[in-house]
Structure formats: C-alpha cells, structure tokens
Amino acid sequence: MAHLTQNPADKERFICLYPIYINSKKTLAEGRRVPTEKAVENPSCAEIQSVLTAAGMNVYVEDKMHPKEWNRDVQFRGRVRVQLKQEDGVFCQDKFSSRKDLMFYVAEMIPKLKTRTQKSGGADSSSQQGEGGKKSKKKKK
C-alpha cells in the first residue's frame, strides 16, 4: 500500500532515524549509515531527540526496533521520527535538506551533550585511549 497521505507534515511522513544509523560500534552491514569517524558510540533515542529538539525540529520517539539490531536492551530500543519538510514541501530548516544532513548533525552534536561530557572523565577515557591507539596503528600502515 502506498502512503496514506502525500502531506509531508503528517506524522507518518516524518523520516525515521534509528540510533543504529550513527552508532560507531556498528559496521555498514550492521546498519550504520555514516562514516565511523563521524559516528557516535552507542547513541540513544533520547540523545537524538534532545539534539534535534534543541535544533528546533519537530520530533517524536516511537518504541520500535531496527531489524538489524539484535540487542533487545532498552538503551537500543526506539526510533526517532523527524519532520524534514513542511506542508508545502519546503524543508523545515535549510541546513537539513536530507536524511544524511540530519544524521551528520546529530552525530556531531551528541558528543557535546552535557550527559556525554560529564561521563568522559571516568572509566570511559581508558577505553577511548585504547581505541585511539588502534586507530593510529591503522594510519601508520
């Protein structure tokens, strides 16, 4: 069945953003859609929602799962729906003219969230250093 409506302002025409799209822990085959260096480690729906709401976008969260997400944990659940276009077909914001623009923006802003910046002082830093070491070895080759 085709879309029930052609109106981009209807909730069912909002685009879907799953956290898996910008998760640096996932491979492209596992559903990631942005380059690893731009991706975020285990983003949550709440983080995506707060970033886009702060950017002035019309957003809501659904309790859905990405088909490739095998982990049924609460932190991996959810799908964010975002209104990309207004009723007349014009983009809500010029800086978001595609899904990719939206994903890149979210991936860039999530690390700047207060919840993320406070956590990085503890045990997280050691794991980040380990990853950094691995990355630099790859660059040397």
N, C-alpha and C. Protein backbone atom coordinates (compact mmCIF):
# COMPACT_ATOMS: atom_id res chain seq x y z
N MET A 1 0.84 -1.20 0.00
CA MET A 1 0.00 0.00 0.00
C MET A 1 0.88 1.26 0.00
N ALA A 2 0.48 2.23 -0.76
CA ALA A 2 1.23 3.48 -0.80
C ALA A 2 0.96 4.27 0.48
N HIS A 3 1.66 5.38 0.63
CA HIS A 3 1.43 6.22 1.81
C HIS A 3 -0.02 6.65 1.85
N LEU A 4 -0.56 6.73 3.05
CA LEU A 4 -1.95 7.16 3.20
C LEU A 4 -2.11 8.63 2.82
N THR A 5 -1.01 9.37 2.90
CA THR A 5 -1.07 10.79 2.60
C THR A 5 0.22 11.24 1.92
N GLN A 6 0.11 12.27 1.11
CA GLN A 6 1.29 12.85 0.48
C GLN A 6 1.79 14.06 1.28
N ASN A 7 1.07 14.42 2.32
CA ASN A 7 1.40 15.61 3.10
C ASN A 7 2.64 15.38 3.97
N PRO A 8 3.75 16.09 3.71
CA PRO A 8 4.98 15.88 4.48
C PRO A 8 4.85 16.28 5.94
N ALA A 9 3.80 17.03 6.29
CA ALA A 9 3.62 17.45 7.68
C ALA A 9 2.92 16.39 8.52
N ASP A 10 2.39 15.33 7.88
CA ASP A 10 1.75 14.26 8.63
C ASP A 10 2.79 13.38 9.31
N LYS A 11 2.48 12.94 10.52
CA LYS A 11 3.44 12.18 11.31
C LYS A 11 3.96 10.94 10.58
N GLU A 12 3.12 10.29 9.81
CA GLU A 12 3.57 9.07 9.13
C GLU A 12 4.54 9.36 7.98
N ARG A 13 4.66 10.63 7.58
CA ARG A 13 5.59 11.00 6.52
C ARG A 13 6.91 11.54 7.08
N PHE A 14 7.01 11.64 8.42
CA PHE A 14 8.27 12.05 9.04
C PHE A 14 9.32 10.99 8.72
N ILE A 15 10.58 11.42 8.60
CA ILE A 15 11.62 10.42 8.33
C ILE A 15 12.01 9.70 9.62
N CYS A 16 12.51 8.49 9.46
CA CYS A 16 12.90 7.67 10.62
C CYS A 16 14.41 7.77 10.84
N LEU A 17 14.79 7.93 12.09
CA LEU A 17 16.20 7.89 12.46
C LEU A 17 16.36 6.86 13.57
N TYR A 18 17.06 5.79 13.27
CA TYR A 18 17.36 4.80 14.30
C TYR A 18 18.75 5.12 14.85
N PRO A 19 18.97 4.92 16.15
CA PRO A 19 20.31 5.16 16.73
C PRO A 19 21.40 4.34 16.01
N ILE A 20 21.03 3.19 15.49
CA ILE A 20 22.00 2.31 14.81
C ILE A 20 22.65 3.01 13.61
N TYR A 21 21.95 3.97 13.00
CA TYR A 21 22.47 4.67 11.81
C TYR A 21 23.74 5.45 12.11
N ILE A 22 23.88 5.93 13.37
CA ILE A 22 25.04 6.76 13.70
C ILE A 22 25.89 6.13 14.80
N ASN A 23 25.76 4.81 14.98
CA ASN A 23 26.50 4.10 16.03
C ASN A 23 27.87 3.64 15.52
N SER A 24 28.93 4.17 16.13
CA SER A 24 30.28 3.83 15.68
C SER A 24 30.64 2.37 15.96
N LYS A 25 29.90 1.72 16.84
CA LYS A 25 30.17 0.32 17.18
C LYS A 25 29.63 -0.63 16.10
N LYS A 26 28.83 -0.11 15.18
CA LYS A 26 28.23 -0.95 14.14
C LYS A 26 28.99 -0.82 12.83
N THR A 27 28.93 -1.89 12.02
CA THR A 27 29.53 -1.82 10.69
C THR A 27 28.44 -1.35 9.72
N LEU A 28 28.85 -1.07 8.49
CA LEU A 28 27.86 -0.69 7.48
C LEU A 28 26.86 -1.83 7.27
N ALA A 29 27.35 -3.06 7.29
CA ALA A 29 26.48 -4.22 7.11
C ALA A 29 25.48 -4.34 8.27
N GLU A 30 25.89 -3.86 9.43
CA GLU A 30 25.01 -3.94 10.61
C GLU A 30 24.05 -2.75 10.71
N GLY A 31 24.11 -1.86 9.74
CA GLY A 31 23.12 -0.79 9.70
C GLY A 31 23.63 0.63 9.87
N ARG A 32 24.94 0.81 10.10
CA ARG A 32 25.46 2.18 10.23
C ARG A 32 25.37 2.87 8.87
N ARG A 33 25.06 4.18 8.88
CA ARG A 33 24.91 4.90 7.62
C ARG A 33 25.84 6.11 7.48
N VAL A 34 26.66 6.36 8.49
CA VAL A 34 27.61 7.47 8.40
C VAL A 34 29.02 6.91 8.60
N PRO A 35 30.06 7.62 8.14
CA PRO A 35 31.43 7.12 8.32
C PRO A 35 31.77 6.96 9.81
N THR A 36 32.60 5.99 10.12
CA THR A 36 32.94 5.69 11.52
C THR A 36 33.48 6.91 12.25
N GLU A 37 34.32 7.70 11.57
CA GLU A 37 34.92 8.85 12.26
C GLU A 37 33.89 9.92 12.61
N LYS A 38 32.74 9.90 11.94
CA LYS A 38 31.69 10.87 12.27
C LYS A 38 30.64 10.26 13.19
N ALA A 39 30.66 8.94 13.37
CA ALA A 39 29.65 8.26 14.17
C ALA A 39 29.90 8.43 15.67
N VAL A 40 28.89 8.07 16.46
CA VAL A 40 28.93 8.23 17.91
C VAL A 40 28.86 6.85 18.55
N GLU A 41 29.50 6.69 19.70
CA GLU A 41 29.47 5.40 20.38
C GLU A 41 28.13 5.21 21.09
N ASN A 42 27.40 4.19 20.68
CA ASN A 42 26.11 3.83 21.28
C ASN A 42 25.19 5.02 21.59
N PRO A 43 24.71 5.72 20.56
CA PRO A 43 23.78 6.83 20.82
C PRO A 43 22.41 6.29 21.24
N SER A 44 21.67 7.07 22.01
CA SER A 44 20.34 6.65 22.42
C SER A 44 19.29 7.52 21.74
N CYS A 45 18.05 7.05 21.73
CA CYS A 45 16.96 7.83 21.14
C CYS A 45 16.78 9.15 21.88
N ALA A 46 16.94 9.10 23.19
CA ALA A 46 16.76 10.31 24.00
C ALA A 46 17.78 11.37 23.59
N GLU A 47 19.02 10.94 23.32
CA GLU A 47 20.06 11.88 22.91
C GLU A 47 19.73 12.48 21.54
N ILE A 48 19.31 11.64 20.62
CA ILE A 48 18.95 12.12 19.29
C ILE A 48 17.79 13.11 19.40
N GLN A 49 16.81 12.74 20.22
CA GLN A 49 15.64 13.61 20.39
C GLN A 49 16.03 14.96 20.98
N SER A 50 16.88 14.97 22.02
CA SER A 50 17.23 16.23 22.66
C SER A 50 18.04 17.13 21.71
N VAL A 51 18.92 16.53 20.91
CA VAL A 51 19.72 17.31 19.96
C VAL A 51 18.81 17.96 18.91
N LEU A 52 17.88 17.17 18.36
CA LEU A 52 17.02 17.70 17.29
C LEU A 52 15.97 18.67 17.83
N THR A 53 15.49 18.43 19.05
CA THR A 53 14.54 19.36 19.66
C THR A 53 15.22 20.70 19.89
N ALA A 54 16.47 20.65 20.36
CA ALA A 54 17.25 21.87 20.60
C ALA A 54 17.49 22.62 19.28
N ALA A 55 17.56 21.87 18.18
CA ALA A 55 17.77 22.49 16.87
C ALA A 55 16.46 23.04 16.29
N GLY A 56 15.37 22.85 17.03
CA GLY A 56 14.09 23.40 16.59
C GLY A 56 13.31 22.52 15.63
N MET A 57 13.64 21.22 15.62
CA MET A 57 12.94 20.31 14.72
C MET A 57 11.73 19.70 15.42
N ASN A 58 10.75 19.30 14.62
CA ASN A 58 9.55 18.64 15.13
C ASN A 58 9.87 17.14 15.23
N VAL A 59 9.96 16.61 16.47
CA VAL A 59 10.48 15.27 16.70
C VAL A 59 9.57 14.49 17.65
N TYR A 60 9.45 13.18 17.43
CA TYR A 60 8.85 12.32 18.45
C TYR A 60 9.48 10.93 18.38
N VAL A 61 9.43 10.22 19.51
CA VAL A 61 10.08 8.91 19.61
C VAL A 61 9.03 7.81 19.61
N GLU A 62 9.32 6.73 18.89
CA GLU A 62 8.45 5.56 18.88
C GLU A 62 9.19 4.38 19.49
N ASP A 63 8.45 3.47 20.07
CA ASP A 63 9.06 2.29 20.68
C ASP A 63 9.17 1.19 19.63
N LYS A 64 10.12 1.37 18.73
CA LYS A 64 10.34 0.42 17.64
C LYS A 64 11.79 -0.05 17.66
N MET A 65 12.07 -1.13 16.93
CA MET A 65 13.43 -1.65 16.84
C MET A 65 13.87 -1.68 15.38
N HIS A 66 15.17 -1.43 15.15
CA HIS A 66 15.72 -1.60 13.81
C HIS A 66 15.86 -3.11 13.57
N PRO A 67 15.48 -3.59 12.40
CA PRO A 67 15.53 -5.04 12.15
C PRO A 67 16.92 -5.66 12.34
N LYS A 68 17.98 -4.89 12.12
CA LYS A 68 19.33 -5.44 12.27
C LYS A 68 19.87 -5.32 13.68
N GLU A 69 19.10 -4.71 14.58
CA GLU A 69 19.55 -4.56 15.96
C GLU A 69 19.19 -5.83 16.73
N TRP A 70 20.20 -6.64 17.04
CA TRP A 70 19.94 -7.92 17.72
C TRP A 70 19.77 -7.73 19.21
N ASN A 71 20.32 -6.64 19.76
CA ASN A 71 20.27 -6.41 21.20
C ASN A 71 18.92 -5.81 21.58
N ARG A 72 18.19 -6.50 22.43
CA ARG A 72 16.83 -6.06 22.79
C ARG A 72 16.83 -5.16 24.02
N ASP A 73 18.00 -4.69 24.43
CA ASP A 73 18.08 -3.82 25.61
C ASP A 73 17.29 -2.53 25.41
N VAL A 74 16.86 -1.96 26.53
CA VAL A 74 16.09 -0.72 26.47
C VAL A 74 16.91 0.39 25.82
N GLN A 75 18.22 0.44 26.08
CA GLN A 75 19.03 1.52 25.55
C GLN A 75 19.13 1.49 24.02
N PHE A 76 18.90 0.31 23.42
CA PHE A 76 18.98 0.20 21.96
C PHE A 76 17.61 0.28 21.30
N ARG A 77 16.57 0.38 22.11
CA ARG A 77 15.21 0.44 21.57
C ARG A 77 14.89 1.85 21.12
N GLY A 78 13.93 1.94 20.23
CA GLY A 78 13.41 3.24 19.87
C GLY A 78 13.76 3.68 18.46
N ARG A 79 12.91 4.55 17.96
CA ARG A 79 13.09 5.12 16.63
C ARG A 79 12.64 6.56 16.74
N VAL A 80 13.43 7.47 16.21
CA VAL A 80 13.08 8.89 16.26
C VAL A 80 12.48 9.28 14.91
N ARG A 81 11.31 9.91 14.94
CA ARG A 81 10.69 10.40 13.72
C ARG A 81 10.88 11.91 13.67
N VAL A 82 11.33 12.41 12.54
CA VAL A 82 11.63 13.84 12.40
C VAL A 82 10.91 14.41 11.19
N GLN A 83 10.31 15.59 11.38
CA GLN A 83 9.67 16.26 10.25
C GLN A 83 10.73 17.00 9.46
N LEU A 84 10.97 16.55 8.23
CA LEU A 84 12.01 17.15 7.40
C LEU A 84 11.43 18.28 6.54
N LYS A 85 10.18 18.08 6.08
CA LYS A 85 9.54 19.07 5.21
C LYS A 85 8.23 19.59 5.80
N GLN A 86 7.90 20.83 5.45
CA GLN A 86 6.63 21.41 5.86
C GLN A 86 5.53 20.97 4.90
N GLU A 87 4.31 21.42 5.19
CA GLU A 87 3.16 21.00 4.40
C GLU A 87 3.32 21.35 2.91
N ASP A 88 3.96 22.50 2.63
CA ASP A 88 4.12 22.93 1.24
C ASP A 88 5.32 22.29 0.55
N GLY A 89 6.00 21.37 1.24
CA GLY A 89 7.12 20.65 0.63
C GLY A 89 8.46 21.34 0.82
N VAL A 90 8.46 22.49 1.48
CA VAL A 90 9.71 23.21 1.75
C VAL A 90 10.35 22.63 3.01
N PHE A 91 11.69 22.54 3.02
CA PHE A 91 12.38 21.99 4.18
C PHE A 91 12.12 22.85 5.42
N CYS A 92 11.95 22.18 6.57
CA CYS A 92 11.72 22.90 7.83
C CYS A 92 12.90 23.82 8.14
N GLN A 93 14.10 23.31 7.91
CA GLN A 93 15.30 24.12 8.11
C GLN A 93 16.23 23.88 6.93
N ASP A 94 16.80 24.96 6.43
CA ASP A 94 17.65 24.85 5.23
C ASP A 94 18.88 23.97 5.45
N LYS A 95 19.40 23.97 6.69
CA LYS A 95 20.62 23.18 6.93
C LYS A 95 20.35 21.68 6.90
N PHE A 96 19.07 21.29 7.02
CA PHE A 96 18.72 19.87 6.94
C PHE A 96 17.94 19.63 5.65
N SER A 97 18.67 19.36 4.55
CA SER A 97 17.99 19.16 3.28
C SER A 97 17.95 17.68 2.89
N SER A 98 18.46 16.81 3.77
CA SER A 98 18.40 15.37 3.51
C SER A 98 18.56 14.61 4.82
N ARG A 99 18.30 13.31 4.75
CA ARG A 99 18.49 12.45 5.93
C ARG A 99 19.95 12.48 6.38
N LYS A 100 20.86 12.44 5.39
CA LYS A 100 22.29 12.43 5.69
C LYS A 100 22.69 13.68 6.48
N ASP A 101 22.20 14.87 6.03
CA ASP A 101 22.50 16.11 6.75
C ASP A 101 22.07 15.99 8.21
N LEU A 102 20.89 15.42 8.40
CA LEU A 102 20.34 15.26 9.75
C LEU A 102 21.21 14.32 10.57
N MET A 103 21.61 13.20 9.96
CA MET A 103 22.44 12.22 10.68
C MET A 103 23.80 12.79 11.04
N PHE A 104 24.43 13.51 10.10
CA PHE A 104 25.73 14.12 10.38
C PHE A 104 25.62 15.13 11.52
N TYR A 105 24.55 15.93 11.50
CA TYR A 105 24.36 16.95 12.54
C TYR A 105 24.19 16.29 13.91
N VAL A 106 23.33 15.27 13.98
CA VAL A 106 23.08 14.57 15.25
C VAL A 106 24.37 13.92 15.76
N ALA A 107 25.11 13.27 14.87
CA ALA A 107 26.35 12.60 15.26
C ALA A 107 27.38 13.61 15.75
N GLU A 108 27.34 14.81 15.20
CA GLU A 108 28.29 15.85 15.60
C GLU A 108 27.91 16.44 16.96
N MET A 109 26.61 16.56 17.23
CA MET A 109 26.15 17.25 18.43
C MET A 109 26.06 16.35 19.68
N ILE A 110 25.80 15.07 19.51
CA ILE A 110 25.63 14.18 20.68
C ILE A 110 26.85 14.19 21.60
N PRO A 111 28.10 14.13 21.06
CA PRO A 111 29.26 14.16 21.98
C PRO A 111 29.33 15.47 22.79
N LYS A 112 28.68 16.52 22.33
CA LYS A 112 28.72 17.80 23.03
C LYS A 112 27.65 17.91 24.12
N LEU A 113 26.75 16.93 24.19
CA LEU A 113 25.71 16.96 25.22
C LEU A 113 26.32 16.89 26.61
N LYS A 114 25.67 17.52 27.58
CA LYS A 114 26.19 17.53 28.96
C LYS A 114 26.31 16.11 29.50
N THR A 115 25.34 15.26 29.19
CA THR A 115 25.38 13.89 29.70
C THR A 115 26.62 13.16 29.20
N ARG A 116 27.08 13.49 27.99
CA ARG A 116 28.27 12.85 27.44
C ARG A 116 29.55 13.44 28.00
N THR A 117 29.62 14.76 28.10
CA THR A 117 30.86 15.42 28.51
C THR A 117 31.20 15.11 29.97
N GLN A 118 30.21 14.92 30.81
CA GLN A 118 30.48 14.62 32.22
C GLN A 118 31.00 13.20 32.38
N LYS A 119 30.45 12.26 31.61
CA LYS A 119 30.84 10.86 31.75
C LYS A 119 32.29 10.61 31.34
N SER A 120 32.79 11.36 30.38
CA SER A 120 34.09 11.04 29.78
C SER A 120 35.26 11.16 30.76
N GLY A 121 35.06 11.77 31.92
CA GLY A 121 36.15 11.92 32.89
C GLY A 121 36.52 10.62 33.58
N GLY A 122 35.62 9.64 33.63
CA GLY A 122 35.85 8.42 34.41
C GLY A 122 36.49 7.30 33.62
N ALA A 123 35.91 6.12 33.75
CA ALA A 123 36.48 4.91 33.15
C ALA A 123 36.43 4.95 31.62
N ASP A 124 35.52 5.75 31.07
CA ASP A 124 35.39 5.85 29.62
C ASP A 124 36.70 6.24 28.94
N SER A 125 37.47 7.12 29.60
CA SER A 125 38.67 7.66 28.95
C SER A 125 39.68 6.57 28.61
N SER A 126 39.79 5.55 29.46
CA SER A 126 40.76 4.49 29.19
C SER A 126 40.36 3.70 27.94
N SER A 127 39.07 3.43 27.79
CA SER A 127 38.64 2.68 26.61
C SER A 127 38.81 3.53 25.35
N GLN A 128 38.62 4.84 25.48
CA GLN A 128 38.80 5.72 24.33
C GLN A 128 40.26 5.75 23.91
N GLN A 129 41.17 5.74 24.89
CA GLN A 129 42.59 5.74 24.56
C GLN A 129 42.95 4.47 23.80
N GLY A 130 42.40 3.35 24.24
CA GLY A 130 42.66 2.08 23.56
C GLY A 130 42.23 2.13 22.12
N GLU A 131 41.05 2.68 21.88
CA GLU A 131 40.56 2.79 20.51
C GLU A 131 41.46 3.73 19.71
N GLY A 132 41.86 4.81 20.35
CA GLY A 132 42.73 5.78 19.68
C GLY A 132 44.02 5.13 19.24
N GLY A 133 44.58 4.28 20.10
CA GLY A 133 45.81 3.57 19.76
C GLY A 133 45.62 2.69 18.55
N LYS A 134 44.50 1.99 18.51
CA LYS A 134 44.22 1.12 17.37
C LYS A 134 44.11 1.93 16.09
N LYS A 135 43.43 3.05 16.20
CA LYS A 135 43.24 3.88 15.00
C LYS A 135 44.57 4.39 14.47
N SER A 136 45.46 4.82 15.37
CA SER A 136 46.72 5.39 14.91
C SER A 136 47.59 4.31 14.24
N LYS A 137 47.51 3.07 14.73
CA LYS A 137 48.26 1.99 14.10
C LYS A 137 47.81 1.79 12.67
N LYS A 138 46.50 1.88 12.47
CA LYS A 138 45.97 1.72 11.12
C LYS A 138 46.49 2.81 10.19
N LYS A 139 46.58 4.01 10.73
CA LYS A 139 47.04 5.14 9.92
C LYS A 139 48.51 4.96 9.49
N LYS A 140 49.34 4.39 10.38
CA LYS A 140 50.77 4.23 10.09
C LYS A 140 51.00 3.27 8.93
N LYS A 141 50.16 2.25 8.82
CA LYS A 141 50.35 1.24 7.76
C LYS A 141 50.21 1.77 6.39
